[in-house]
C-alpha atoms as a PDB file:
ATOM      1  CA  MET A   1     -49.063  61.563 165.756  1.00  0.00           C
ATOM      2  CA  VAL A   2     -45.800  63.479 166.147  1.00  0.00           C
ATOM      3  CA  LEU A   3     -42.363  61.889 166.094  1.00  0.00           C
ATOM      4  CA  LYS A   4     -39.739  63.709 168.163  1.00  0.00           C
ATOM      5  CA  CYS A   5     -36.088  62.702 168.321  1.00  0.00           C
ATOM      6  CA  ARG A   6     -33.568  64.645 170.364  1.00  0.00           C
ATOM      7  CA  CYS A   7     -30.775  64.360 167.780  1.00  0.00           C
ATOM      8  CA  TYR A   8     -32.834  65.748 164.891  1.00  0.00           C
ATOM      9  CA  ASN A   9     -33.074  69.317 163.726  1.00  0.00           C
ATOM     10  CA  TYR A  10     -36.715  68.892 162.804  1.00  0.00           C
ATOM     11  CA  THR A  11     -39.943  67.411 164.167  1.00  0.00           C
ATOM     12  CA  TYR A  12     -41.999  65.237 161.859  1.00  0.00           C
ATOM     13  CA  GLN A  13     -45.763  65.117 162.030  1.00  0.00           C
ATOM     14  CA  ILE A  14     -47.584  62.153 160.536  1.00  0.00           C
ATOM     15  CA  ARG A  15     -50.936  63.374 159.323  1.00  0.00           C
ATOM     16  CA  GLU A  16     -53.304  63.017 156.390  1.00  0.00           C
ATOM     17  CA  ASN A  17     -51.454  63.420 153.121  1.00  0.00           C
ATOM     18  CA  PRO A  18     -53.068  65.556 150.379  1.00  0.00           C
ATOM     19  CA  LEU A  19     -51.612  63.027 147.935  1.00  0.00           C
ATOM     20  CA  ASN A  20     -53.521  60.036 149.272  1.00  0.00           C
ATOM     21  CA  ILE A  21     -54.990  57.796 146.596  1.00  0.00           C
ATOM     22  CA  LYS A  22     -57.728  58.977 144.284  1.00  0.00           C
ATOM     23  CA  SER A  23     -59.898  56.961 141.910  1.00  0.00           C
ATOM     24  CA  ASP A  24     -57.307  57.351 139.141  1.00  0.00           C
ATOM     25  CA  CYS A  25     -54.720  55.650 141.359  1.00  0.00           C
ATOM     26  CA  ILE A  26     -56.855  52.515 141.628  1.00  0.00           C
ATOM     27  CA  VAL A  27     -56.859  52.087 137.849  1.00  0.00           C
ATOM     28  CA  CYS A  28     -53.142  52.873 137.691  1.00  0.00           C
ATOM     29  CA  LEU A  29     -52.274  50.212 140.267  1.00  0.00           C
ATOM     30  CA  MET A  30     -54.369  47.614 138.437  1.00  0.00           C
ATOM     31  CA  ASN A  31     -52.561  48.503 135.217  1.00  0.00           C
ATOM     32  CA  GLN A  32     -49.205  48.122 136.959  1.00  0.00           C
ATOM     33  CA  ALA A  33     -50.121  44.596 138.015  1.00  0.00           C
ATOM     34  CA  LEU A  34     -51.112  43.783 134.439  1.00  0.00           C
ATOM     35  CA  LYS A  35     -47.816  45.197 133.144  1.00  0.00           C
ATOM     36  CA  VAL A  36     -45.874  42.932 135.491  1.00  0.00           C
ATOM     37  CA  THR A  37     -47.720  39.853 134.233  1.00  0.00           C
ATOM     38  CA  LYS A  38     -46.762  40.777 130.672  1.00  0.00           C
ATOM     39  CA  LEU A  39     -43.163  41.578 131.616  1.00  0.00           C
ATOM     40  CA  LEU A  40     -42.827  38.152 133.256  1.00  0.00           C
ATOM     41  CA  GLU A  41     -44.722  36.486 130.372  1.00  0.00           C
ATOM     42  CA  LEU A  42     -47.019  34.716 132.815  1.00  0.00           C
ATOM     43  CA  ASP A  43     -49.752  32.307 131.769  1.00  0.00           C
ATOM     44  CA  ASP A  44     -53.386  33.368 132.009  1.00  0.00           C
ATOM     45  CA  THR A  45     -54.047  31.415 135.217  1.00  0.00           C
ATOM     46  CA  THR A  46     -51.171  33.053 137.110  1.00  0.00           C
ATOM     47  CA  SER A  47     -51.992  36.454 135.640  1.00  0.00           C
ATOM     48  CA  LYS A  48     -55.580  36.153 136.863  1.00  0.00           C
ATOM     49  CA  LYS A  49     -54.359  35.254 140.354  1.00  0.00           C
ATOM     50  CA  ILE A  50     -52.283  38.437 140.415  1.00  0.00           C
ATOM     51  CA  LEU A  51     -55.080  40.626 139.086  1.00  0.00           C
ATOM     52  CA  ASP A  52     -57.624  39.092 141.473  1.00  0.00           C
ATOM     53  CA  ARG A  53     -55.305  39.639 144.436  1.00  0.00           C
ATOM     54  CA  THR A  54     -54.554  43.202 143.331  1.00  0.00           C
ATOM     55  CA  ALA A  55     -58.267  43.955 143.138  1.00  0.00           C
ATOM     56  CA  GLN A  56     -58.773  42.488 146.621  1.00  0.00           C
ATOM     57  CA  ILE A  57     -55.930  44.601 148.054  1.00  0.00           C
ATOM     58  CA  LEU A  58     -57.482  47.727 146.548  1.00  0.00           C
ATOM     59  CA  ILE A  59     -60.838  46.816 148.099  1.00  0.00           C
ATOM     60  CA  GLU A  60     -59.175  46.339 151.486  1.00  0.00           C
ATOM     61  CA  HIS A  61     -57.541  49.811 151.454  1.00  0.00           C
ATOM     62  CA  ASP A  62     -59.409  53.105 151.711  1.00  0.00           C
ATOM     63  CA  PHE A  63     -58.579  56.624 150.602  1.00  0.00           C
ATOM     64  CA  SER A  64     -56.464  57.316 153.696  1.00  0.00           C
ATOM     65  CA  CYS A  65     -53.504  55.506 152.065  1.00  0.00           C
ATOM     66  CA  THR A  66     -50.914  56.836 149.656  1.00  0.00           C
ATOM     67  CA  PRO A  67     -50.218  55.063 146.338  1.00  0.00           C
ATOM     68  CA  PRO A  68     -46.751  53.927 147.521  1.00  0.00           C
ATOM     69  CA  GLN A  69     -48.256  52.278 150.607  1.00  0.00           C
ATOM     70  CA  ILE A  70     -50.700  50.235 148.542  1.00  0.00           C
ATOM     71  CA  ALA A  71     -48.081  49.474 145.872  1.00  0.00           C
ATOM     72  CA  LYS A  72     -45.927  47.826 148.529  1.00  0.00           C
ATOM     73  CA  VAL A  73     -48.702  45.360 149.388  1.00  0.00           C
ATOM     74  CA  ILE A  74     -49.491  44.654 145.732  1.00  0.00           C
ATOM     75  CA  TYR A  75     -45.886  43.972 144.753  1.00  0.00           C
ATOM     76  CA  GLN A  76     -45.406  41.727 147.776  1.00  0.00           C
ATOM     77  CA  ALA A  77     -48.446  39.759 146.607  1.00  0.00           C
ATOM     78  CA  ILE A  78     -46.955  39.501 143.120  1.00  0.00           C
ATOM     79  CA  SER A  79     -43.720  38.171 144.600  1.00  0.00           C
ATOM     80  CA  ASP A  80     -45.635  35.675 146.751  1.00  0.00           C
ATOM     81  CA  ILE A  81     -47.620  34.350 143.779  1.00  0.00           C
ATOM     82  CA  THR A  82     -44.711  34.164 141.323  1.00  0.00           C
ATOM     83  CA  GLY A  83     -41.892  33.313 143.730  1.00  0.00           C
ATOM     84  CA  ASP A  84     -39.935  36.169 142.134  1.00  0.00           C
ATOM     85  CA  GLU A  85     -38.471  38.609 144.687  1.00  0.00           C
ATOM     86  CA  ASP A  86     -37.636  41.168 141.980  1.00  0.00           C
ATOM     87  CA  PRO A  87     -40.386  40.863 139.349  1.00  0.00           C
ATOM     88  CA  VAL A  88     -39.402  44.042 137.504  1.00  0.00           C
ATOM     89  CA  LEU A  89     -35.712  43.082 137.202  1.00  0.00           C
ATOM     90  CA  ARG A  90     -35.766  42.898 133.390  1.00  0.00           C
ATOM     91  CA  ALA A  91     -37.154  46.408 133.122  1.00  0.00           C
ATOM     92  CA  LYS A  92     -34.509  47.698 135.556  1.00  0.00           C
ATOM     93  CA  GLU A  93     -31.694  46.121 133.565  1.00  0.00           C
ATOM     94  CA  ARG A  94     -32.988  47.594 130.297  1.00  0.00           C
ATOM     95  CA  ALA A  95     -33.389  51.038 131.878  1.00  0.00           C
ATOM     96  CA  THR A  96     -29.840  51.010 133.253  1.00  0.00           C
ATOM     97  CA  SER A  97     -28.395  49.982 129.893  1.00  0.00           C
ATOM     98  CA  GLU A  98     -30.328  52.725 128.132  1.00  0.00           C
ATOM     99  CA  ALA A  99     -29.240  55.379 130.644  1.00  0.00           C
ATOM    100  CA  LEU A 100     -25.581  54.372 130.455  1.00  0.00           C
ATOM    101  CA  ARG A 101     -25.650  54.804 126.658  1.00  0.00           C
ATOM    102  CA  VAL A 102     -26.696  58.457 126.912  1.00  0.00           C
ATOM    103  CA  ASP A 103     -23.974  60.944 125.997  1.00  0.00           C
ATOM    104  CA  THR A 104     -23.899  63.447 128.870  1.00  0.00           C
ATOM    105  CA  SER A 105     -20.778  65.318 127.787  1.00  0.00           C
ATOM    106  CA  PHE A 106     -22.900  68.441 127.228  1.00  0.00           C
ATOM    107  CA  VAL A 107     -23.705  68.609 130.950  1.00  0.00           C
ATOM    108  CA  GLN A 108     -21.361  71.258 132.368  1.00  0.00           C
ATOM    109  CA  THR A 109     -23.132  73.115 135.150  1.00  0.00           C
ATOM    110  CA  ILE A 110     -25.090  72.115 138.247  1.00  0.00           C
ATOM    111  CA  ASN A 111     -28.205  73.503 136.565  1.00  0.00           C
ATOM    112  CA  ASP A 112     -27.550  71.204 133.587  1.00  0.00           C
ATOM    113  CA  ALA A 113     -27.123  68.242 135.925  1.00  0.00           C
ATOM    114  CA  ILE A 114     -30.352  69.066 137.782  1.00  0.00           C
ATOM    115  CA  LYS A 115     -32.131  69.115 134.422  1.00  0.00           C
ATOM    116  CA  MET A 116     -30.710  65.727 133.437  1.00  0.00           C
ATOM    117  CA  ALA A 117     -31.583  64.272 136.841  1.00  0.00           C
ATOM    118  CA  VAL A 118     -35.211  65.315 136.436  1.00  0.00           C
ATOM    119  CA  ILE A 119     -35.385  64.127 132.820  1.00  0.00           C
ATOM    120  CA  GLY A 120     -34.124  60.760 134.038  1.00  0.00           C
ATOM    121  CA  ASN A 121     -37.266  60.553 136.184  1.00  0.00           C
ATOM    122  CA  VAL A 122     -39.230  59.512 133.074  1.00  0.00           C
ATOM    123  CA  ILE A 123     -37.766  56.027 133.678  1.00  0.00           C
ATOM    124  CA  ASP A 124     -40.661  54.820 135.800  1.00  0.00           C
ATOM    125  CA  PHE A 125     -42.248  51.388 135.421  1.00  0.00           C
ATOM    126  CA  GLY A 126     -45.119  52.370 137.694  1.00  0.00           C
ATOM    127  CA  ALA A 127     -46.105  55.668 136.061  1.00  0.00           C
ATOM    128  CA  GLN A 128     -49.558  56.240 134.591  1.00  0.00           C
ATOM    129  CA  ASN A 129     -47.964  57.874 131.543  1.00  0.00           C
ATOM    130  CA  GLN A 130     -44.775  56.543 129.963  1.00  0.00           C
ATOM    131  CA  PHE A 131     -42.367  58.831 128.102  1.00  0.00           C
ATOM    132  CA  GLY A 132     -39.257  57.936 126.121  1.00  0.00           C
ATOM    133  CA  LEU A 133     -35.897  58.950 127.622  1.00  0.00           C
ATOM    134  CA  SER A 134     -34.316  60.028 124.307  1.00  0.00           C
ATOM    135  CA  GLU A 135     -37.410  62.029 123.379  1.00  0.00           C
ATOM    136  CA  MET A 136     -37.418  63.804 126.740  1.00  0.00           C
ATOM    137  CA  ILE A 137     -33.725  64.693 126.499  1.00  0.00           C
ATOM    138  CA  GLN A 138     -34.212  66.025 122.981  1.00  0.00           C
ATOM    139  CA  HIS A 139     -37.326  68.066 123.700  1.00  0.00           C
ATOM    140  CA  HIS A 140     -37.046  69.008 127.376  1.00  0.00           C
ATOM    141  CA  PHE A 141     -33.409  69.799 128.101  1.00  0.00           C
ATOM    142  CA  GLU A 142     -33.811  73.313 126.715  1.00  0.00           C
ATOM    143  CA  LYS A 143     -37.202  73.826 128.354  1.00  0.00           C
ATOM    144  CA  ASP A 144     -37.753  75.662 131.632  1.00  0.00           C
ATOM    145  CA  PHE A 145     -38.945  74.036 134.840  1.00  0.00           C
ATOM    146  CA  ALA A 146     -42.642  74.642 135.521  1.00  0.00           C
ATOM    147  CA  ILE A 147     -41.611  75.271 139.135  1.00  0.00           C
ATOM    148  CA  ASP A 148     -37.975  76.235 139.552  1.00  0.00           C
ATOM    149  CA  ASP A 149     -36.394  76.912 142.938  1.00  0.00           C
ATOM    150  CA  PHE A 150     -32.838  76.511 141.671  1.00  0.00           C
ATOM    151  CA  ASP A 151     -31.773  80.005 142.792  1.00  0.00           C
ATOM    152  CA  VAL A 152     -32.680  79.217 146.415  1.00  0.00           C
ATOM    153  CA  PHE A 153     -31.033  75.795 146.100  1.00  0.00           C
ATOM    154  CA  GLU A 154     -27.810  77.357 144.840  1.00  0.00           C
ATOM    155  CA  GLN A 155     -27.748  79.775 147.770  1.00  0.00           C
ATOM    156  CA  GLU A 156     -28.192  76.942 150.259  1.00  0.00           C
ATOM    157  CA  LEU A 157     -25.609  74.822 148.451  1.00  0.00           C
ATOM    158  CA  GLN A 158     -22.950  77.464 149.083  1.00  0.00           C
ATOM    159  CA  LYS A 159     -23.319  76.936 152.854  1.00  0.00           C
ATOM    160  CA  ALA A 160     -24.094  73.210 152.915  1.00  0.00           C
ATOM    161  CA  LYS A 161     -21.877  70.544 154.446  1.00  0.00           C
ATOM    162  CA  GLU A 162     -24.203  67.567 154.017  1.00  0.00           C
ATOM    163  CA  ILE A 163     -26.769  66.766 151.328  1.00  0.00           C
ATOM    164  CA  VAL A 164     -29.214  63.875 151.024  1.00  0.00           C
ATOM    165  CA  ILE A 165     -30.599  62.640 147.722  1.00  0.00           C
ATOM    166  CA  ILE A 166     -33.498  60.221 148.130  1.00  0.00           C
ATOM    167  CA  GLY A 167     -33.279  57.958 145.116  1.00  0.00           C
ATOM    168  CA  ASP A 168     -36.202  56.821 143.021  1.00  0.00           C
ATOM    169  CA  ASN A 169     -35.923  54.613 139.944  1.00  0.00           C
ATOM    170  CA  VAL A 170     -33.230  52.350 138.535  1.00  0.00           C
ATOM    171  CA  GLY A 171     -31.775  53.858 135.356  1.00  0.00           C
ATOM    172  CA  GLU A 172     -32.655  57.300 136.655  1.00  0.00           C
ATOM    173  CA  HIS A 173     -29.974  56.745 139.292  1.00  0.00           C
ATOM    174  CA  VAL A 174     -27.315  56.959 136.544  1.00  0.00           C
ATOM    175  CA  PHE A 175     -28.231  60.646 136.174  1.00  0.00           C
ATOM    176  CA  ASP A 176     -28.355  61.085 139.941  1.00  0.00           C
ATOM    177  CA  LYS A 177     -24.718  60.027 139.977  1.00  0.00           C
ATOM    178  CA  LEU A 178     -23.973  62.645 137.328  1.00  0.00           C
ATOM    179  CA  LEU A 179     -25.679  65.272 139.503  1.00  0.00           C
ATOM    180  CA  ILE A 180     -23.648  64.270 142.560  1.00  0.00           C
ATOM    181  CA  GLU A 181     -20.370  64.329 140.629  1.00  0.00           C
ATOM    182  CA  THR A 182     -21.196  67.740 139.156  1.00  0.00           C
ATOM    183  CA  ILE A 183     -22.079  69.228 142.547  1.00  0.00           C
ATOM    184  CA  LYS A 184     -18.879  67.872 144.084  1.00  0.00           C
ATOM    185  CA  LYS A 185     -16.792  69.489 141.350  1.00  0.00           C
ATOM    186  CA  HIS A 186     -17.922  72.841 142.716  1.00  0.00           C
ATOM    187  CA  TYR A 187     -18.500  72.198 146.420  1.00  0.00           C
ATOM    188  CA  ASP A 188     -16.750  70.201 149.110  1.00  0.00           C
ATOM    189  CA  LEU A 189     -19.586  68.429 150.889  1.00  0.00           C
ATOM    190  CA  LYS A 190     -20.790  65.027 152.027  1.00  0.00           C
ATOM    191  CA  VAL A 191     -23.489  63.353 149.936  1.00  0.00           C
ATOM    192  CA  TYR A 192     -25.775  60.580 151.165  1.00  0.00           C
ATOM    193  CA  TYR A 193     -27.795  58.592 148.638  1.00  0.00           C
ATOM    194  CA  PHE A 194     -30.911  56.974 150.129  1.00  0.00           C
ATOM    195  CA  VAL A 195     -32.259  53.730 148.657  1.00  0.00           C
ATOM    196  CA  ARG A 196     -35.058  51.223 149.343  1.00  0.00           C
ATOM    197  CA  THR A 197     -34.106  48.227 151.429  1.00  0.00           C
ATOM    198  CA  LYS A 198     -35.337  45.621 148.908  1.00  0.00           C
ATOM    199  CA  PRO A 199     -36.879  45.490 145.411  1.00  0.00           C
ATOM    200  CA  ILE A 200     -40.172  47.351 145.033  1.00  0.00           C
ATOM    201  CA  ILE A 201     -41.369  48.219 141.506  1.00  0.00           C
ATOM    202  CA  ASN A 202     -38.220  49.529 139.747  1.00  0.00           C
ATOM    203  CA  ASP A 203     -36.894  51.567 142.669  1.00  0.00           C
ATOM    204  CA  VAL A 204     -33.171  51.696 143.357  1.00  0.00           C
ATOM    205  CA  THR A 205     -31.824  49.387 146.093  1.00  0.00           C
ATOM    206  CA  PRO A 206     -28.295  48.949 147.531  1.00  0.00           C
ATOM    207  CA  LYS A 207     -27.535  46.509 144.688  1.00  0.00           C
ATOM    208  CA  GLU A 208     -28.091  49.057 141.898  1.00  0.00           C
ATOM    209  CA  ALA A 209     -26.669  51.949 143.921  1.00  0.00           C
ATOM    210  CA  LYS A 210     -23.190  50.421 143.908  1.00  0.00           C
ATOM    211  CA  ILE A 211     -22.359  52.704 140.988  1.00  0.00           C
ATOM    212  CA  MET A 212     -22.457  55.568 143.520  1.00  0.00           C
ATOM    213  CA  SER A 213     -19.433  54.201 145.366  1.00  0.00           C
ATOM    214  CA  GLY A 214     -16.769  56.865 145.549  1.00  0.00           C
ATOM    215  CA  CYS A 215     -19.118  59.824 145.105  1.00  0.00           C
ATOM    216  CA  ALA A 216     -21.787  59.223 147.767  1.00  0.00           C
ATOM    217  CA  ASP A 217     -22.458  57.192 150.894  1.00  0.00           C
ATOM    218  CA  ILE A 218     -25.226  54.692 150.109  1.00  0.00           C
ATOM    219  CA  ILE A 219     -27.811  54.538 152.895  1.00  0.00           C
ATOM    220  CA  ASP A 220     -30.199  51.596 153.114  1.00  0.00           C
ATOM    221  CA  THR A 221     -33.225  53.330 154.632  1.00  0.00           C
ATOM    222  CA  GLY A 222     -35.110  50.198 155.647  1.00  0.00           C
ATOM    223  CA  ILE A 223     -37.991  51.466 153.512  1.00  0.00           C
ATOM    224  CA  GLU A 224     -39.967  48.858 151.564  1.00  0.00           C
ATOM    225  CA  THR A 225     -42.420  51.247 149.891  1.00  0.00           C
ATOM    226  CA  PRO A 226     -41.776  53.169 146.642  1.00  0.00           C
ATOM    227  CA  GLY A 227     -41.680  56.384 148.646  1.00  0.00           C
ATOM    228  CA  PHE A 228     -39.745  57.582 151.706  1.00  0.00           C
ATOM    229  CA  GLU A 229     -42.042  57.215 154.714  1.00  0.00           C
ATOM    230  CA  ILE A 230     -40.268  58.903 157.605  1.00  0.00           C
ATOM    231  CA  HIS A 231     -41.945  56.956 160.402  1.00  0.00           C
ATOM    232  CA  LYS A 232     -40.953  53.638 158.780  1.00  0.00           C
ATOM    233  CA  ALA A 233     -37.347  54.558 158.014  1.00  0.00           C
ATOM    234  CA  ASN A 234     -34.552  53.133 160.144  1.00  0.00           C
ATOM    235  CA  ALA A 235     -32.864  55.261 162.800  1.00  0.00           C
ATOM    236  CA  VAL A 236     -29.733  55.916 160.738  1.00  0.00           C
ATOM    237  CA  SER A 237     -31.570  57.359 157.756  1.00  0.00           C
ATOM    238  CA  ARG A 238     -33.969  59.378 159.933  1.00  0.00           C
ATOM    239  CA  GLU A 239     -31.033  60.949 161.779  1.00  0.00           C
ATOM    240  CA  ILE A 240     -29.223  61.871 158.560  1.00  0.00           C
ATOM    241  CA  PHE A 241     -32.465  63.104 157.001  1.00  0.00           C
ATOM    242  CA  GLY A 242     -33.060  65.353 159.976  1.00  0.00           C
ATOM    243  CA  ARG A 243     -29.617  66.907 160.233  1.00  0.00           C
ATOM    244  CA  ALA A 244     -28.678  67.316 156.543  1.00  0.00           C
ATOM    245  CA  ASP A 245     -28.448  70.862 155.242  1.00  0.00           C
ATOM    246  CA  ILE A 246     -30.230  69.944 152.007  1.00  0.00           C
ATOM    247  CA  VAL A 247     -32.560  67.097 151.061  1.00  0.00           C
ATOM    248  CA  ILE A 248     -33.546  66.338 147.463  1.00  0.00           C
ATOM    249  CA  ALA A 249     -36.404  63.861 147.014  1.00  0.00           C
ATOM    250  CA  LYS A 250     -36.467  62.333 143.552  1.00  0.00           C
ATOM    251  CA  GLY A 251     -39.651  61.207 141.853  1.00  0.00           C
ATOM    252  CA  MET A 252     -43.384  61.204 142.454  1.00  0.00           C
ATOM    253  CA  GLY A 253     -43.348  58.362 144.996  1.00  0.00           C
ATOM    254  CA  ASN A 254     -41.161  60.359 147.374  1.00  0.00           C
ATOM    255  CA  PHE A 255     -43.250  63.459 146.672  1.00  0.00           C
ATOM    256  CA  GLU A 256     -46.461  61.563 147.471  1.00  0.00           C
ATOM    257  CA  SER A 257     -44.962  60.272 150.716  1.00  0.00           C
ATOM    258  CA  LEU A 258     -43.302  63.455 151.970  1.00  0.00           C
ATOM    259  CA  TYR A 259     -45.144  66.508 150.649  1.00  0.00           C
ATOM    260  CA  GLN A 260     -46.783  68.424 153.521  1.00  0.00           C
ATOM    261  CA  VAL A 261     -45.912  65.516 155.820  1.00  0.00           C
ATOM    262  CA  ALA A 262     -42.218  66.125 156.551  1.00  0.00           C
ATOM    263  CA  LYS A 263     -41.754  69.316 158.530  1.00  0.00           C
ATOM    264  CA  ARG A 264     -38.384  70.259 157.094  1.00  0.00           C
ATOM    265  CA  PRO A 265     -37.339  71.878 153.828  1.00  0.00           C
ATOM    266  CA  ILE A 266     -37.162  69.404 150.941  1.00  0.00           C
ATOM    267  CA  TYR A 267     -36.446  69.930 147.250  1.00  0.00           C
ATOM    268  CA  TYR A 268     -38.809  67.818 145.151  1.00  0.00           C
ATOM    269  CA  LEU A 269     -37.350  66.909 141.779  1.00  0.00           C
ATOM    270  CA  PHE A 270     -39.595  65.028 139.377  1.00  0.00           C
ATOM    271  CA  ILE A 271     -41.576  64.986 136.142  1.00  0.00           C
ATOM    272  CA  VAL A 272     -45.358  65.091 136.465  1.00  0.00           C
ATOM    273  CA  LYS A 273     -46.592  61.770 135.097  1.00  0.00           C
ATOM    274  CA  CYS A 274     -50.161  61.423 136.345  1.00  0.00           C
ATOM    275  CA  ASN A 275     -53.354  63.434 136.700  1.00  0.00           C
ATOM    276  CA  VAL A 276     -53.464  63.157 140.496  1.00  0.00           C
ATOM    277  CA  VAL A 277     -50.052  64.778 141.012  1.00  0.00           C
ATOM    278  CA  ALA A 278     -50.753  67.278 138.217  1.00  0.00           C
ATOM    279  CA  ASP A 279     -53.895  68.421 140.040  1.00  0.00           C
ATOM    280  CA  ALA A 280     -52.169  68.496 143.440  1.00  0.00           C
ATOM    281  CA  ILE A 281     -49.321  70.681 142.244  1.00  0.00           C
ATOM    282  CA  GLY A 282     -51.245  72.721 139.676  1.00  0.00           C
ATOM    283  CA  GLN A 283     -49.050  71.820 136.703  1.00  0.00           C
ATOM    284  CA  ASP A 284     -49.483  69.910 133.474  1.00  0.00           C
ATOM    285  CA  ILE A 285     -48.388  66.348 132.799  1.00  0.00           C
ATOM    286  CA  LYS A 286     -44.786  66.274 131.473  1.00  0.00           C
ATOM    287  CA  SER A 287     -43.939  69.402 133.487  1.00  0.00           C
ATOM    288  CA  MET A 288     -40.526  69.420 135.137  1.00  0.00           C
ATOM    289  CA  ILE A 289     -40.609  70.295 138.828  1.00  0.00           C
ATOM    290  CA  PHE A 290     -37.835  71.516 141.123  1.00  0.00           C
ATOM    291  CA  LYS A 291     -39.832  72.705 144.101  1.00  0.00           C
ATOM    292  CA  ARG A 292     -38.692  73.600 147.588  1.00  0.00           C
ATOM    293  CA  GLY A 293     -41.425  72.627 150.007  1.00  0.00           C
END
């Protein structure tokens, strides 16, 4: 299936994604459901309902789906069972508080800000592997990216008029704001910050993105999955996505949804946090990625 829109600069082809679910993803999604039951301090009966429903959803989906697509169905089921529209709210609030306490006065350059934005990607409720934010700042800020296309990015930035950043996790978005502010100190351009339309895992929505006011235009994409699926995005976000000079996709969910699917240049900025993505990209877990694809 090919989507063509006359106002876009690019044509998007929806085809099989090399980052569709693998066996590891099934276990990861079950573990996520269990984590939510513990976060909400649910009783055993309700917890079993959630785990049973999660298992059924996984049975109903085959390997043609991406992890974000299945996660959407699972988290909707969790909301239906608990009556809680934002079951990971507590984790989001803690992550934001932690991120806001970080001293970022040492961030001076765009390269520094890119590094902090990727380190912030460790804030991920749904990740197979969990890493501490303070530990990552301490041990990774001076490390090199495993894949680093910053030089190409900087060249494109010098000519850019519009840039899109597709947000990922709450808490992480604090460092996205720092990146936007740092870029705008050096370049006069328009920045659009894309968010999910409603709570899904700990992804950033219009509510949390209010801190971007004044430095970026917040775009509600209409997306309900923890990954930007082009064919499900609303017309406004698809049009901006197509015409922007630069697009940065934050996090593994956006990488899983867009990599080798979107036929336009995209900068993927994330930390490798699971074996499936590590194998797909040929890098180790904990590697920092800034890849133009």
